[in-house]
Protein backbone atom coordinates (compact mmCIF):
# COMPACT_ATOMS: atom_id res chain seq x y z
CA UNK A 1 16.96 7.27 -0.07
CA UNK A 2 17.19 10.22 2.34
CA UNK A 3 15.57 9.75 5.76
CA UNK A 4 11.91 10.73 5.96
CA UNK A 5 12.43 12.81 9.11
CA UNK A 6 15.46 14.93 9.90
CA UNK A 7 17.06 14.58 13.32
CA UNK A 8 14.59 15.60 16.02
CA UNK A 9 11.76 16.26 13.54
CA UNK A 10 9.69 13.18 14.37
CA UNK A 11 9.91 14.02 18.08
CA UNK A 12 8.53 17.50 17.40
CA UNK A 13 5.82 16.19 15.08
CA UNK A 14 4.65 13.68 17.67
CA UNK A 15 4.16 16.56 20.10
CA UNK A 16 2.07 18.36 17.49
CA UNK A 17 -0.12 15.28 16.99
CA UNK A 18 -0.74 15.09 20.74
CA UNK A 19 -1.77 18.74 20.93
CA UNK A 20 -5.30 17.84 19.82
CA UNK A 21 -5.71 15.31 22.63
CA UNK A 22 -4.33 12.05 24.10
CA UNK A 23 -3.60 9.21 21.70
CA UNK A 24 -2.23 5.72 21.99
CA UNK A 25 0.70 4.52 19.95
CA UNK A 26 -1.28 2.93 17.13
CA UNK A 27 -3.31 6.11 16.66
CA UNK A 28 -0.09 8.10 16.32
CA UNK A 29 1.32 5.62 13.79
CA UNK A 30 -1.94 5.76 11.79
CA UNK A 31 -1.97 9.58 11.92
CA UNK A 32 1.56 9.64 10.51
CA UNK A 33 0.66 7.15 7.79
CA UNK A 34 -2.40 9.20 6.83
CA UNK A 35 -0.32 12.39 6.73
CA UNK A 36 1.98 10.72 4.22
CA UNK A 37 -0.94 9.46 2.14
CA UNK A 38 0.04 5.87 2.78
CA UNK A 39 3.46 6.24 1.15
CA UNK A 40 5.21 5.90 4.50
CA UNK A 41 4.22 4.12 7.70
CA UNK A 42 6.61 4.37 10.67
CA UNK A 43 7.26 1.18 12.59
CA UNK A 44 6.49 0.72 16.26
CA UNK A 45 10.26 0.50 16.78
CA UNK A 46 10.56 4.03 15.40
CA UNK A 47 7.68 5.68 17.27
CA UNK A 48 7.67 4.14 20.74
CA UNK A 49 11.31 4.90 21.65
CA UNK A 50 10.72 8.56 20.82
CA UNK A 51 7.56 8.60 22.91
CA UNK A 52 9.56 7.08 25.75
CA UNK A 53 12.20 9.80 25.43
CA UNK A 54 9.51 12.49 25.36
CA UNK A 55 8.12 11.02 28.58
CA UNK A 56 11.59 10.97 30.17
CA UNK A 57 11.98 14.64 29.28
CA UNK A 58 8.61 15.47 30.85
CA UNK A 59 7.07 16.58 27.56
CA UNK A 60 4.44 13.84 27.47
CA UNK A 61 2.80 11.75 30.17
CA UNK A 62 1.11 8.36 29.99
CA UNK A 63 -2.29 7.36 31.29
CA UNK A 64 -4.11 3.99 31.14
CA UNK A 65 -6.97 3.70 28.66
CA UNK A 66 -8.42 0.22 29.01
CA UNK A 67 -5.88 -2.25 27.64
CA UNK A 68 -3.89 0.53 25.99
CA UNK A 69 -1.67 3.33 27.18
CA UNK A 70 -2.48 6.85 26.05
CA UNK A 71 0.10 9.57 25.61
CA UNK A 72 -0.83 13.17 26.36
CA UNK A 73 1.16 16.35 25.99
CA UNK A 74 2.18 18.06 29.24
CA UNK A 75 2.40 21.78 29.99
CA UNK A 76 6.14 21.55 29.38
CA UNK A 77 5.50 19.77 26.08
CA UNK A 78 3.03 22.44 24.97
CA UNK A 79 5.52 25.15 25.89
CA UNK A 80 8.17 23.35 23.82
CA UNK A 81 5.76 23.08 20.90
CA UNK A 82 4.81 26.76 21.08
CA UNK A 83 8.47 27.75 21.24
CA UNK A 84 9.22 25.77 18.10
CA UNK A 85 6.24 26.64 15.88
CA UNK A 86 8.55 27.85 13.12
CA UNK A 87 10.50 24.60 13.28
CA UNK A 88 7.20 22.71 13.05
CA UNK A 89 6.28 24.61 9.89
CA UNK A 90 9.62 23.50 8.43
CA UNK A 91 8.83 19.90 9.37
CA UNK A 92 5.48 20.20 7.56
CA UNK A 93 7.27 21.47 4.45
CA UNK A 94 9.74 18.59 4.67
CA UNK A 95 6.86 16.11 4.97
CA UNK A 96 5.23 17.55 1.84
CA UNK A 97 8.54 17.15 -0.03
CA UNK A 98 8.93 13.60 1.32
CA UNK A 99 5.43 12.68 0.13
CA UNK A 100 6.30 13.85 -3.39
CA UNK A 101 9.61 11.96 -3.32
CA UNK A 102 8.08 8.77 -1.95
CA UNK A 103 5.20 8.98 -4.42
CA UNK A 104 7.69 9.20 -7.27
CA UNK A 105 9.62 6.21 -5.93
CA UNK A 106 6.39 4.29 -5.48
CA UNK A 107 5.29 4.99 -9.06
CA UNK A 108 8.65 3.84 -10.41
CA UNK A 109 8.46 0.65 -8.34
CA UNK A 110 4.98 -0.01 -9.72
CA UNK A 111 6.14 0.64 -13.28
CA UNK A 112 9.06 -1.75 -12.79
CA UNK A 113 6.76 -4.41 -11.36
CA UNK A 114 4.33 -3.96 -14.21
CA UNK A 115 7.07 -4.38 -16.81
CA UNK A 116 7.81 -7.77 -15.31
CA UNK A 117 4.11 -8.50 -15.10
CA UNK A 118 3.63 -7.68 -18.80
CA UNK A 119 6.47 -10.02 -19.77
CA UNK A 120 5.03 -12.83 -17.66
CA UNK A 121 1.56 -12.19 -19.03
CA UNK A 122 2.80 -12.22 -22.64
CA UNK A 123 4.64 -15.49 -22.04
CA UNK A 124 1.57 -17.03 -20.43
CA UNK A 125 -0.65 -15.88 -23.31
CA UNK A 126 1.78 -17.35 -25.86
CA UNK A 127 1.89 -20.64 -23.97
CA UNK A 128 -1.91 -20.70 -23.81
CA UNK A 129 -2.18 -20.08 -27.56
CA UNK A 130 0.30 -22.88 -28.26
CA UNK A 131 -1.55 -25.27 -25.95
CA UNK A 132 -4.89 -24.37 -27.56
CA UNK A 133 -3.47 -24.90 -31.05
CA UNK A 134 -2.09 -28.34 -30.20
CA UNK A 135 -5.29 -29.37 -28.39
CA UNK A 136 -7.59 -28.49 -31.32
CA UNK A 137 -7.73 -31.06 -34.11
CA UNK A 138 -8.24 -29.62 -37.63
CA UNK A 139 -11.46 -30.55 -39.46
CA UNK A 140 -11.18 -33.70 -41.63
CA UNK A 141 -8.51 -35.35 -39.49
CA UNK A 142 -10.91 -38.05 -38.34
CA UNK A 143 -10.76 -36.93 -34.67
CA UNK A 144 -13.51 -34.90 -32.95
CA UNK A 145 -12.94 -31.19 -32.32
CA UNK A 146 -13.30 -29.63 -28.84
CA UNK A 147 -16.80 -28.42 -28.22
CA UNK A 148 -17.19 -24.77 -29.11
CA UNK A 149 -18.62 -23.74 -25.74
CA UNK A 150 -15.98 -25.46 -23.62
CA UNK A 151 -13.12 -22.88 -23.94
CA UNK A 152 -15.55 -20.04 -23.15
CA UNK A 153 -16.77 -21.82 -20.05
CA UNK A 154 -13.21 -22.54 -18.91
CA UNK A 155 -12.19 -18.91 -19.46
CA UNK A 156 -15.18 -17.73 -17.42
CA UNK A 157 -14.32 -20.13 -14.59
CA UNK A 158 -10.70 -18.92 -14.57
CA UNK A 159 -11.86 -15.32 -14.33
CA UNK A 160 -14.28 -16.20 -11.53
CA UNK A 161 -11.56 -18.05 -9.57
CA UNK A 162 -9.16 -15.14 -10.02
CA UNK A 163 -11.76 -12.64 -8.83
CA UNK A 164 -12.79 -14.70 -5.82
CA UNK A 165 -9.24 -15.42 -4.65
CA UNK A 166 -7.99 -11.85 -5.05
CA UNK A 167 -11.11 -10.43 -3.43
CA UNK A 168 -10.58 -12.74 -0.43
CA UNK A 169 -6.92 -11.65 -0.19
CA UNK A 170 -7.90 -7.97 -0.23
CA UNK A 171 -10.59 -8.45 2.39
CA UNK A 172 -8.18 -10.33 4.66
CA UNK A 173 -5.74 -7.43 4.36
CA UNK A 174 -8.46 -4.88 5.07
CA UNK A 175 -9.33 -6.57 8.37
CA UNK A 176 -5.82 -5.77 9.66
CA UNK A 177 -4.97 -2.46 7.99
CA UNK A 178 -6.31 -0.26 5.17
CA UNK A 179 -5.50 -1.13 1.57
CA UNK A 180 -2.54 1.06 0.63
CA UNK A 181 -2.48 3.37 -2.42
CA UNK A 182 0.35 1.18 -3.80
CA UNK A 183 -1.87 -1.92 -3.69
CA UNK A 184 -4.80 -0.08 -5.25
CA UNK A 185 -2.64 1.32 -8.05
CA UNK A 186 -1.08 -2.12 -8.68
CA UNK A 187 -4.52 -3.75 -8.91
CA UNK A 188 -5.74 -1.07 -11.31
CA UNK A 189 -2.65 -1.26 -13.53
CA UNK A 190 -2.48 -5.06 -13.50
CA UNK A 191 -6.12 -5.39 -14.52
CA UNK A 192 -5.70 -2.84 -17.32
CA UNK A 193 -2.66 -4.74 -18.61
CA UNK A 194 -4.42 -8.11 -18.34
CA UNK A 195 -7.48 -6.78 -20.19
CA UNK A 196 -5.32 -5.43 -23.02
CA UNK A 197 -3.32 -8.67 -23.30
CA UNK A 198 -6.40 -10.88 -23.39
CA UNK A 199 -8.17 -8.68 -25.91
CA UNK A 200 -5.05 -8.86 -28.06
CA UNK A 201 -5.62 -12.61 -28.48
CA UNK A 202 -9.25 -12.22 -29.60
CA UNK A 203 -10.08 -12.44 -33.27
CA UNK A 204 -11.85 -9.39 -34.76
């Protein structure tokens, strides 16, 4: 896959993000992630070295902000940004193209994952049907049948467990970082597929 930023483009874009006011590193990373709609999130190892180089070049300066370090654009940095406004517009166009490309890649990854999920779900449903058939004794065989309400209760408990566990996983994730569009789309697609597969086993 082509790089998200061309050579020197991230450096210029960081200057543009600082134009609105000082920010610490995490805020810059989050701003970049938001600009890409969650399809791309630069690592600290990508952002901080470029901020360090901008500081060496006198284009940004650091200032303490509690337990964090804020970066602010300097007069020289603002002059550089103003001189390269046309280049910045090109970076914005490249970002828009990257978002489209990454979104397409993301959708294909989700489709591929869901194909595997559908196969696993179909196999699990078939195994469940076979287990249910072997566990149920036909009438007249001299052995008692399973109570009618028991499978319904078990199915409801399975659904409740699934909901509670997945909800806890999502909430744990949300305490550290926002739920990504990829996760949301995967949840939506997986639930749609699961609903269709389960309904396919129900008798009309």
